[in-house]
Amino acid sequence: MAIYTTCGATGYSMGLVFSGLLTEASWRLTMLLPAPVALIALLVGLKLLPRSERERGEGGYDIPGAVLGTASMLLLVFTVVEAPEVGWAAARTVLSFAAVAVLLAAFVAVERRSPSPLIRLGVLRSGPQVRAQLGAMTFIGSYIGFQFLVTLYMQQLLGWSALHTALAFLPAGALVALSATKVGAVIDRFGTARLMVLGFVLMVVGYVLFLRVDLHPVYAAAILPTMLLVGSGFALTFPSLNVQATNGVDEHEQGMVSGLLNTSVQVGGAIFLAVVTAVVTANAPEKGAVTPQAVLDSYRPGFVVVTLIALAGLLITLTGLRTRRGRPSVVVAKSTLREAERVPVRD
């Protein structure tokens, strides 16, 4: 997980910087660059990734579940994104949400009957698993909303270039990349629940501090503290979420819970970004009253929503601190049981 976090943080940060450099020539290049990168990843993956049991013909693929699950998530995101424009109470929005409910109900019905379900629903009976999934949604959702607003603030109000903006975010990514190799030992010592709570606390404090920015900020005093706090929170929370989601899960279901966590990340980011955007749009100044200060004032409610989303994640993860002392972890218990099964019983 440390290597994964390091690669993710490095790629994310370098992607921002490279995008900033590309926009100096043309913003269209930022749309082109992902294509060859994805193609290389595909070819390398086909070569290096081992084939799963399903690819060998055991169990098959849950095609109906994949279609229904994907359709429901796409329609949910589309509905939330479009709702501010067409109206939350509009017939189209209401019908779209109803269709999402129908698709999700059909997905659950298919998964309960499928011999090889895309998602084994029983895994969601686990408290730590649910906290990891909801934590991922709120964690990434708050950060994506924050990054979106900060980008607008820096480029539209401060007049910074895309490259300048990317470099402003770089300390957070660099902090994650440099500290990631140490997080594994910290997780072993303190556990995922405590680190997730601490990470969310750092994120909330960082977002609150950013509420004080004005139209003439001093980067080192007004922006850098938030970037360092957010980077520290990311370094603690992101690997902890992944570890908690996969901890105690059988080997053949590791891919399932990992995919579920990544779905929570993507859906949470899309939905909460749409919510933040809707709040900012609702507070946008009238055409005749557009001033830099008025635009900044319209951003502040969005930053408040970002903070509340992270606070919701903090409250969710706080429920994981109620641990039972003296009870071995699921991983240890399963490992001990397997070892016991190998030892012959003697009189």
Protein backbone atom coordinates (compact mmCIF):
# COMPACT_ATOMS: atom_id res chain seq x y z
CA MET A 1 0.00 0.00 0.00
CA ALA A 2 2.94 2.34 0.63
CA ILE A 3 4.25 1.76 -2.90
CA TYR A 4 0.76 2.19 -4.31
CA THR A 5 0.27 5.47 -2.41
CA THR A 6 3.68 6.74 -3.47
CA CYS A 7 3.02 5.99 -7.14
CA GLY A 8 -0.46 7.49 -6.95
CA ALA A 9 0.67 10.70 -5.25
CA THR A 10 3.66 11.07 -7.56
CA GLY A 11 1.61 10.47 -10.70
CA TYR A 12 -1.14 12.81 -9.53
CA SER A 13 1.26 15.62 -8.67
CA MET A 14 3.37 15.19 -11.78
CA GLY A 15 0.20 15.04 -13.86
CA LEU A 16 -0.78 18.48 -12.58
CA VAL A 17 2.66 19.89 -13.35
CA PHE A 18 2.84 18.30 -16.81
CA SER A 19 -0.65 19.55 -17.57
CA GLY A 20 0.41 23.02 -16.55
CA LEU A 21 3.37 22.80 -18.90
CA LEU A 22 1.23 21.49 -21.74
CA THR A 23 -1.28 24.32 -21.42
CA GLU A 24 1.54 26.74 -22.15
CA ALA A 25 1.38 25.35 -25.71
CA SER A 26 -2.29 24.32 -25.93
CA TRP A 27 -4.89 23.15 -23.42
CA ARG A 28 -5.98 20.53 -25.97
CA LEU A 29 -2.74 18.65 -25.34
CA THR A 30 -3.96 17.83 -21.83
CA MET A 31 -6.78 15.86 -23.47
CA LEU A 32 -4.36 14.03 -25.74
CA LEU A 33 -1.71 12.99 -23.21
CA PRO A 34 -3.84 10.45 -21.27
CA ALA A 35 -4.51 8.43 -24.44
CA PRO A 36 -0.97 7.10 -25.06
CA VAL A 37 -0.41 6.68 -21.32
CA ALA A 38 -3.56 4.55 -21.07
CA LEU A 39 -2.53 2.55 -24.14
CA ILE A 40 0.90 1.81 -22.64
CA ALA A 41 -0.72 0.80 -19.35
CA LEU A 42 -3.08 -1.53 -21.21
CA LEU A 43 -0.29 -3.24 -23.14
CA VAL A 44 1.93 -3.59 -20.09
CA GLY A 45 -1.00 -4.87 -18.04
CA LEU A 46 -1.85 -7.55 -20.58
CA LYS A 47 1.76 -8.69 -20.42
CA LEU A 48 2.40 -8.58 -16.68
CA LEU A 49 -0.91 -9.08 -14.88
CA PRO A 50 -1.69 -12.75 -14.16
CA ARG A 51 -4.94 -14.17 -15.46
CA SER A 52 -7.68 -14.59 -12.90
CA GLU A 53 -9.66 -17.77 -12.27
CA ARG A 54 -12.62 -16.25 -14.09
CA GLU A 55 -10.56 -15.76 -17.20
CA ARG A 56 -9.69 -19.45 -17.03
CA GLY A 57 -13.36 -20.30 -17.25
CA GLU A 58 -14.21 -20.86 -13.55
CA GLY A 59 -17.35 -19.06 -12.45
CA GLY A 60 -17.70 -16.72 -15.43
CA TYR A 61 -18.39 -13.01 -15.44
CA ASP A 62 -21.41 -11.31 -13.94
CA ILE A 63 -22.34 -9.38 -17.09
CA PRO A 64 -25.87 -8.36 -15.94
CA GLY A 65 -24.49 -7.11 -12.63
CA ALA A 66 -21.74 -5.16 -14.38
CA VAL A 67 -24.24 -3.51 -16.73
CA LEU A 68 -26.75 -2.63 -14.00
CA GLY A 69 -24.09 -1.43 -11.55
CA THR A 70 -22.40 0.76 -14.13
CA ALA A 71 -25.68 2.14 -15.45
CA SER A 72 -26.96 3.03 -11.97
CA MET A 73 -23.76 4.85 -10.99
CA LEU A 74 -23.55 6.73 -14.30
CA LEU A 75 -27.18 7.80 -14.08
CA LEU A 76 -26.75 8.86 -10.43
CA VAL A 77 -23.76 11.05 -11.24
CA PHE A 78 -25.46 12.46 -14.35
CA THR A 79 -28.61 13.31 -12.36
CA VAL A 80 -26.69 15.10 -9.60
CA VAL A 81 -24.58 17.01 -12.12
CA GLU A 82 -27.59 18.12 -14.17
CA ALA A 83 -29.94 18.83 -11.26
CA PRO A 84 -28.64 22.36 -10.51
CA GLU A 85 -29.31 23.34 -14.13
CA VAL A 86 -32.74 21.75 -14.63
CA GLY A 87 -33.89 22.06 -11.00
CA TRP A 88 -33.85 19.58 -8.11
CA ALA A 89 -37.64 19.38 -8.06
CA ALA A 90 -38.02 19.16 -11.84
CA ALA A 91 -39.80 16.13 -13.26
CA ARG A 92 -36.66 15.08 -15.12
CA THR A 93 -34.60 15.06 -11.92
CA VAL A 94 -37.22 13.18 -9.93
CA LEU A 95 -37.66 10.58 -12.67
CA SER A 96 -33.89 10.17 -12.98
CA PHE A 97 -33.54 9.50 -9.25
CA ALA A 98 -36.43 7.03 -9.47
CA ALA A 99 -34.68 5.26 -12.35
CA VAL A 100 -31.48 5.10 -10.26
CA ALA A 101 -33.45 3.44 -7.46
CA VAL A 102 -34.93 0.90 -9.89
CA LEU A 103 -31.51 0.09 -11.37
CA LEU A 104 -29.95 -0.32 -7.92
CA ALA A 105 -32.80 -2.59 -6.83
CA ALA A 106 -32.34 -4.69 -9.96
CA PHE A 107 -28.58 -4.79 -9.31
CA VAL A 108 -29.12 -6.06 -5.77
CA ALA A 109 -31.57 -8.70 -7.01
CA VAL A 110 -29.10 -9.91 -9.66
CA GLU A 111 -26.19 -9.99 -7.21
CA ARG A 112 -28.17 -12.06 -4.69
CA ARG A 113 -28.94 -14.69 -7.31
CA SER A 114 -25.74 -14.70 -9.35
CA PRO A 115 -23.44 -17.75 -8.87
CA SER A 116 -20.46 -15.41 -9.36
CA PRO A 117 -21.60 -11.94 -8.27
CA LEU A 118 -19.74 -8.79 -9.16
CA ILE A 119 -20.12 -7.73 -5.52
CA ARG A 120 -20.85 -10.18 -2.74
CA LEU A 121 -23.36 -8.11 -0.80
CA GLY A 122 -22.53 -9.88 2.45
CA VAL A 123 -19.23 -8.02 2.56
CA LEU A 124 -21.16 -4.83 3.31
CA ARG A 125 -22.30 -6.30 6.63
CA SER A 126 -18.83 -5.52 7.93
CA GLY A 127 -18.63 -2.25 9.85
CA PRO A 128 -14.97 -1.58 8.93
CA GLN A 129 -15.77 -2.25 5.27
CA VAL A 130 -18.69 0.19 5.23
CA ARG A 131 -16.61 2.81 7.04
CA ALA A 132 -13.83 2.39 4.48
CA GLN A 133 -16.25 2.81 1.56
CA LEU A 134 -18.07 5.82 3.02
CA GLY A 135 -14.77 7.26 4.18
CA ALA A 136 -13.38 7.01 0.66
CA MET A 137 -16.43 8.78 -0.77
CA THR A 138 -16.24 11.70 1.65
CA PHE A 139 -12.45 11.89 1.68
CA ILE A 140 -11.98 12.10 -2.09
CA GLY A 141 -15.24 13.99 -2.55
CA SER A 142 -14.09 16.78 -0.24
CA TYR A 143 -10.63 16.95 -1.81
CA ILE A 144 -11.87 17.04 -5.42
CA GLY A 145 -14.30 19.81 -4.51
CA PHE A 146 -11.51 21.68 -2.73
CA GLN A 147 -9.09 21.33 -5.62
CA PHE A 148 -11.74 22.52 -8.09
CA LEU A 149 -12.50 25.67 -6.09
CA VAL A 150 -8.86 26.43 -5.36
CA THR A 151 -8.04 26.12 -9.06
CA LEU A 152 -10.76 28.64 -9.91
CA TYR A 153 -9.58 30.91 -7.12
CA MET A 154 -5.96 30.85 -8.23
CA GLN A 155 -6.53 31.16 -11.97
CA GLN A 156 -9.62 33.37 -12.20
CA LEU A 157 -9.13 35.66 -9.22
CA LEU A 158 -5.37 35.67 -8.66
CA GLY A 159 -4.50 35.40 -12.35
CA TRP A 160 -2.08 32.50 -11.88
CA SER A 161 -1.20 30.28 -14.83
CA ALA A 162 -2.04 26.58 -14.91
CA LEU A 163 1.61 25.76 -14.20
CA HIS A 164 1.75 28.19 -11.30
CA THR A 165 -1.40 26.62 -9.87
CA ALA A 166 0.00 23.10 -10.25
CA LEU A 167 3.16 24.11 -8.42
CA ALA A 168 1.03 25.54 -5.62
CA PHE A 169 -0.53 22.09 -5.11
CA LEU A 170 2.82 20.29 -5.41
CA PRO A 171 3.82 20.43 -1.70
CA ALA A 172 0.81 18.30 -0.78
CA GLY A 173 1.65 15.61 -3.34
CA ALA A 174 5.35 15.71 -2.50
CA LEU A 175 4.57 15.24 1.20
CA VAL A 176 2.47 12.16 0.41
CA ALA A 177 5.14 10.67 -1.86
CA LEU A 178 7.97 11.23 0.63
CA SER A 179 6.10 9.89 3.67
CA ALA A 180 4.24 6.98 2.07
CA THR A 181 7.01 4.41 2.63
CA LYS A 182 6.77 5.03 6.39
CA VAL A 183 3.00 4.78 6.68
CA GLY A 184 2.96 0.97 6.71
CA ALA A 185 4.84 0.84 10.01
CA VAL A 186 2.58 3.54 11.45
CA ILE A 187 -0.53 1.58 10.46
CA ASP A 188 0.88 -1.55 12.09
CA ARG A 189 1.41 0.34 15.32
CA PHE A 190 -1.70 2.47 15.60
CA GLY A 191 -4.25 0.75 13.33
CA THR A 192 -6.26 2.07 10.43
CA ALA A 193 -9.11 3.54 12.47
CA ARG A 194 -6.94 5.98 14.43
CA LEU A 195 -5.01 7.09 11.36
CA MET A 196 -8.20 7.67 9.37
CA VAL A 197 -9.56 9.84 12.16
CA LEU A 198 -6.33 11.81 12.43
CA GLY A 199 -6.16 12.20 8.66
CA PHE A 200 -9.70 13.57 8.49
CA VAL A 201 -8.95 15.96 11.36
CA LEU A 202 -5.97 17.35 9.43
CA MET A 203 -8.09 17.73 6.30
CA VAL A 204 -10.86 19.56 8.18
CA VAL A 205 -8.38 21.93 9.83
CA GLY A 206 -6.71 22.58 6.48
CA TYR A 207 -10.03 23.40 4.81
CA VAL A 208 -11.06 25.71 7.68
CA LEU A 209 -7.77 27.59 7.43
CA PHE A 210 -8.36 28.20 3.72
CA LEU A 211 -11.59 30.03 4.47
CA ARG A 212 -9.53 33.08 5.48
CA VAL A 213 -7.93 33.66 2.05
CA ASP A 214 -8.42 36.99 0.34
CA LEU A 215 -7.61 38.55 -3.02
CA HIS A 216 -3.99 39.27 -2.07
CA PRO A 217 -2.73 36.14 -0.28
CA VAL A 218 0.83 35.47 0.78
CA TYR A 219 1.37 31.89 -0.35
CA ALA A 220 3.59 30.84 2.57
CA ALA A 221 1.16 32.18 5.16
CA ALA A 222 -2.30 31.72 3.60
CA ILE A 223 -2.07 28.75 1.22
CA LEU A 224 0.94 26.58 2.10
CA PRO A 225 -0.32 25.59 5.60
CA THR A 226 -3.49 24.17 4.05
CA MET A 227 -1.53 22.28 1.40
CA LEU A 228 0.73 20.73 4.06
CA LEU A 229 -2.21 19.77 6.28
CA VAL A 230 -4.13 18.29 3.35
CA GLY A 231 -1.02 16.41 2.20
CA SER A 232 -0.49 15.01 5.70
CA GLY A 233 -4.13 13.97 5.90
CA PHE A 234 -3.90 12.30 2.50
CA ALA A 235 -0.72 10.44 3.51
CA LEU A 236 -2.45 8.98 6.56
CA THR A 237 -5.98 8.43 5.29
CA PHE A 238 -5.63 7.09 1.76
CA PRO A 239 -3.46 4.03 2.55
CA SER A 240 -5.47 3.39 5.72
CA LEU A 241 -8.70 3.29 3.72
CA ASN A 242 -7.20 0.77 1.31
CA VAL A 243 -5.78 -1.39 4.10
CA GLN A 244 -9.04 -1.37 6.06
CA ALA A 245 -11.07 -2.24 2.96
CA THR A 246 -8.92 -5.29 2.18
CA ASN A 247 -8.10 -6.38 5.72
CA GLY A 248 -9.56 -9.74 6.66
CA VAL A 249 -11.00 -10.33 3.18
CA ASP A 250 -10.30 -13.68 1.55
CA GLU A 251 -7.69 -13.64 -1.20
CA HIS A 252 -10.16 -14.38 -3.97
CA GLU A 253 -12.26 -11.33 -2.92
CA GLN A 254 -9.42 -8.82 -2.68
CA GLY A 255 -10.08 -7.61 -6.21
CA MET A 256 -13.78 -7.20 -5.46
CA VAL A 257 -13.34 -4.96 -2.41
CA SER A 258 -10.54 -3.02 -4.11
CA GLY A 259 -12.80 -2.37 -7.08
CA LEU A 260 -15.62 -1.38 -4.74
CA LEU A 261 -13.33 1.09 -2.98
CA ASN A 262 -12.24 2.64 -6.28
CA THR A 263 -15.90 2.92 -7.28
CA SER A 264 -16.59 4.77 -4.02
CA VAL A 265 -13.67 7.08 -4.77
CA GLN A 266 -14.88 7.91 -8.29
CA VAL A 267 -18.58 8.22 -7.47
CA GLY A 268 -17.89 10.22 -4.31
CA GLY A 269 -15.63 12.59 -6.22
CA ALA A 270 -18.19 13.13 -8.97
CA ILE A 271 -21.25 13.54 -6.73
CA PHE A 272 -19.71 15.84 -4.14
CA LEU A 273 -18.04 17.94 -6.84
CA ALA A 274 -21.48 18.43 -8.38
CA VAL A 275 -22.87 19.45 -4.99
CA VAL A 276 -20.06 21.94 -4.40
CA THR A 277 -20.51 23.37 -7.89
CA ALA A 278 -24.25 23.72 -7.35
CA VAL A 279 -23.68 25.65 -4.11
CA VAL A 280 -21.20 28.01 -5.76
CA THR A 281 -23.51 28.55 -8.74
CA ALA A 282 -26.44 29.32 -6.46
CA ASN A 283 -24.38 32.03 -4.72
CA ALA A 284 -22.89 33.51 -7.91
CA PRO A 285 -23.21 37.30 -8.15
CA GLU A 286 -25.61 38.92 -10.57
CA LYS A 287 -24.21 39.96 -13.95
CA GLY A 288 -24.16 43.62 -13.03
CA ALA A 289 -22.46 43.01 -9.70
CA VAL A 290 -19.56 40.78 -10.74
CA THR A 291 -16.44 41.90 -8.93
CA PRO A 292 -13.43 39.85 -7.78
CA GLN A 293 -14.59 40.16 -4.17
CA ALA A 294 -18.14 39.11 -5.07
CA VAL A 295 -16.81 36.06 -6.91
CA LEU A 296 -14.62 35.13 -3.93
CA ASP A 297 -17.63 35.51 -1.64
CA SER A 298 -19.54 33.08 -3.87
CA TYR A 299 -16.72 30.55 -3.46
CA ARG A 300 -16.80 30.62 0.34
CA PRO A 301 -20.07 28.62 0.71
CA GLY A 302 -18.45 25.98 -1.52
CA PHE A 303 -15.44 25.82 0.78
CA VAL A 304 -17.83 25.47 3.73
CA VAL A 305 -19.53 22.52 2.01
CA VAL A 306 -16.12 20.95 1.34
CA THR A 307 -15.35 21.27 5.05
CA LEU A 308 -18.71 19.75 6.01
CA ILE A 309 -18.13 16.78 3.69
CA ALA A 310 -14.77 16.12 5.34
CA LEU A 311 -16.39 16.57 8.75
CA ALA A 312 -18.99 13.95 7.81
CA GLY A 313 -16.14 11.58 6.93
CA LEU A 314 -14.55 12.31 10.29
CA LEU A 315 -17.76 11.44 12.13
CA ILE A 316 -18.07 8.21 10.14
CA THR A 317 -14.51 7.13 10.93
CA LEU A 318 -14.87 8.07 14.61
CA THR A 319 -17.31 5.17 15.00
CA GLY A 320 -14.40 2.83 14.21
CA LEU A 321 -12.56 3.79 17.40
CA ARG A 322 -14.92 1.65 19.46
CA THR A 323 -12.66 -1.40 19.30
CA ARG A 324 -12.98 -4.54 21.37
CA ARG A 325 -9.89 -5.13 23.40
CA GLY A 326 -8.53 -8.57 23.70
CA ARG A 327 -10.08 -9.73 20.44
CA PRO A 328 -7.66 -10.68 17.64
CA SER A 329 -8.04 -9.06 14.25
CA VAL A 330 -9.84 -10.90 11.48
CA VAL A 331 -6.58 -11.45 9.63
CA VAL A 332 -4.85 -12.91 12.68
CA ALA A 333 -7.83 -15.05 13.56
CA LYS A 334 -8.06 -16.52 10.05
CA SER A 335 -4.34 -17.05 9.85
CA THR A 336 -4.28 -18.81 13.22
CA LEU A 337 -7.21 -21.00 12.23
CA ARG A 338 -5.51 -22.06 9.01
CA GLU A 339 -2.32 -22.91 10.89
CA ALA A 340 -4.32 -24.91 13.43
CA GLU A 341 -5.99 -26.88 10.68
CA ARG A 342 -2.59 -27.98 9.40
CA VAL A 343 -1.44 -29.32 12.80
CA PRO A 344 -2.52 -32.93 13.49
CA VAL A 345 -4.32 -33.48 16.76
CA ARG A 346 -2.48 -35.74 19.22
CA ASP A 347 -3.85 -37.53 22.21
